[in-house]
């Protein structure tokens, strides 16, 4: 069994290194990251400054029926190496989504 260090709130601290970061403007229409994740990336960290909807796929389109991401909540998502992108659209307000590849 592997034990991870924990922060002051008891939350495990990720044992992954941040790598490439892509920033996507969040608006009324679905917008995807400009390029797919790297060929060795299996996990991405996403966080947005506004509530939004996201989708991960090789040709993603975010909509109100895809995954809801509350504002300022960090999520770690599994992606397919070298092929997946992250798409986003707003819930009500414009903002920014940061997608960080974790290696």
Protein backbone atom coordinates (compact mmCIF):
# COMPACT_ATOMS: atom_id res chain seq x y z
CA UNK A 1 0.00 0.00 0.00
CA UNK A 2 1.25 3.50 -0.86
CA UNK A 3 0.89 6.32 1.66
CA UNK A 4 0.77 9.91 0.50
CA UNK A 5 1.68 12.97 2.52
CA UNK A 6 -1.39 14.90 3.67
CA UNK A 7 -2.04 18.61 3.98
CA UNK A 8 -3.41 20.38 7.08
CA UNK A 9 -6.96 19.31 6.11
CA UNK A 10 -6.10 15.62 5.75
CA UNK A 11 -6.24 15.75 1.94
CA UNK A 12 -3.60 13.64 0.15
CA UNK A 13 -0.94 15.71 -1.61
CA UNK A 14 -0.60 14.63 -5.26
CA UNK A 15 2.59 12.77 -6.12
CA UNK A 16 2.68 14.12 -9.66
CA UNK A 17 4.77 16.88 -11.23
CA UNK A 18 3.05 19.79 -13.01
CA UNK A 19 4.11 20.13 -16.62
CA UNK A 20 2.59 21.91 -19.64
CA UNK A 21 -0.20 24.39 -18.88
CA UNK A 22 -2.91 25.46 -21.32
CA UNK A 23 -5.31 28.31 -20.57
CA UNK A 24 -8.73 28.43 -22.22
CA UNK A 25 -11.13 31.38 -22.22
CA UNK A 26 -14.57 30.35 -20.96
CA UNK A 27 -17.53 31.74 -22.88
CA UNK A 28 -21.01 30.86 -24.11
CA UNK A 29 -19.66 28.55 -26.85
CA UNK A 30 -17.58 25.44 -26.29
CA UNK A 31 -13.84 26.07 -26.66
CA UNK A 32 -11.15 23.39 -26.43
CA UNK A 33 -7.48 23.46 -25.53
CA UNK A 34 -5.39 24.33 -28.57
CA UNK A 35 -3.47 21.06 -28.54
CA UNK A 36 -3.85 17.54 -27.23
CA UNK A 37 -2.10 16.45 -24.05
CA UNK A 38 1.43 15.10 -24.34
CA UNK A 39 2.23 11.54 -25.33
CA UNK A 40 3.11 10.60 -21.73
CA UNK A 41 0.34 12.54 -19.95
CA UNK A 42 -2.35 10.42 -18.28
CA UNK A 43 -3.66 12.94 -15.72
CA UNK A 44 -4.61 16.60 -16.04
CA UNK A 45 -5.44 19.09 -13.30
CA UNK A 46 -8.27 21.48 -14.17
CA UNK A 47 -9.49 24.56 -12.31
CA UNK A 48 -11.70 27.43 -13.47
CA UNK A 49 -12.40 30.82 -11.94
CA UNK A 50 -16.11 30.53 -12.82
CA UNK A 51 -18.61 27.66 -12.81
CA UNK A 52 -18.50 25.84 -16.14
CA UNK A 53 -19.05 22.61 -18.05
CA UNK A 54 -16.14 20.53 -19.35
CA UNK A 55 -15.59 17.52 -21.56
CA UNK A 56 -12.46 15.46 -22.21
CA UNK A 57 -12.13 13.67 -25.57
CA UNK A 58 -10.08 13.74 -28.77
CA UNK A 59 -12.64 16.15 -30.28
CA UNK A 60 -14.54 17.45 -27.24
CA UNK A 61 -17.57 19.73 -27.16
CA UNK A 62 -18.68 20.98 -23.76
CA UNK A 63 -22.40 21.51 -23.15
CA UNK A 64 -24.84 21.72 -20.26
CA UNK A 65 -25.10 17.93 -20.39
CA UNK A 66 -21.35 17.36 -19.84
CA UNK A 67 -19.42 17.46 -16.55
CA UNK A 68 -20.13 20.46 -14.31
CA UNK A 69 -17.10 22.07 -12.68
CA UNK A 70 -17.84 24.54 -9.87
CA UNK A 71 -15.75 27.71 -9.66
CA UNK A 72 -12.33 27.42 -7.97
CA UNK A 73 -12.57 23.63 -7.53
CA UNK A 74 -9.50 21.59 -8.52
CA UNK A 75 -10.20 18.31 -10.30
CA UNK A 76 -7.79 15.66 -11.56
CA UNK A 77 -8.97 13.85 -14.67
CA UNK A 78 -7.75 10.78 -16.55
CA UNK A 79 -6.91 11.49 -20.21
CA UNK A 80 -5.76 9.41 -23.16
CA UNK A 81 -2.07 10.03 -23.81
CA UNK A 82 -1.34 12.19 -26.84
CA UNK A 83 -4.94 12.47 -28.08
CA UNK A 84 -7.30 14.10 -25.58
CA UNK A 85 -8.19 17.78 -25.28
CA UNK A 86 -10.37 19.57 -22.72
CA UNK A 87 -13.34 21.66 -23.87
CA UNK A 88 -15.17 24.18 -21.71
CA UNK A 89 -18.22 26.46 -21.80
CA UNK A 90 -19.59 28.77 -19.13
CA UNK A 91 -22.53 28.24 -16.83
CA UNK A 92 -23.36 31.96 -16.60
CA UNK A 93 -20.18 34.07 -16.52
CA UNK A 94 -17.05 34.29 -18.65
CA UNK A 95 -13.72 33.29 -17.14
CA UNK A 96 -10.62 31.17 -17.54
CA UNK A 97 -9.94 27.43 -17.34
CA UNK A 98 -6.40 26.23 -16.56
CA UNK A 99 -5.44 22.74 -17.71
CA UNK A 100 -2.17 21.44 -16.28
CA UNK A 101 -0.63 18.20 -17.50
CA UNK A 102 0.61 16.11 -14.56
CA UNK A 103 3.52 13.76 -15.21
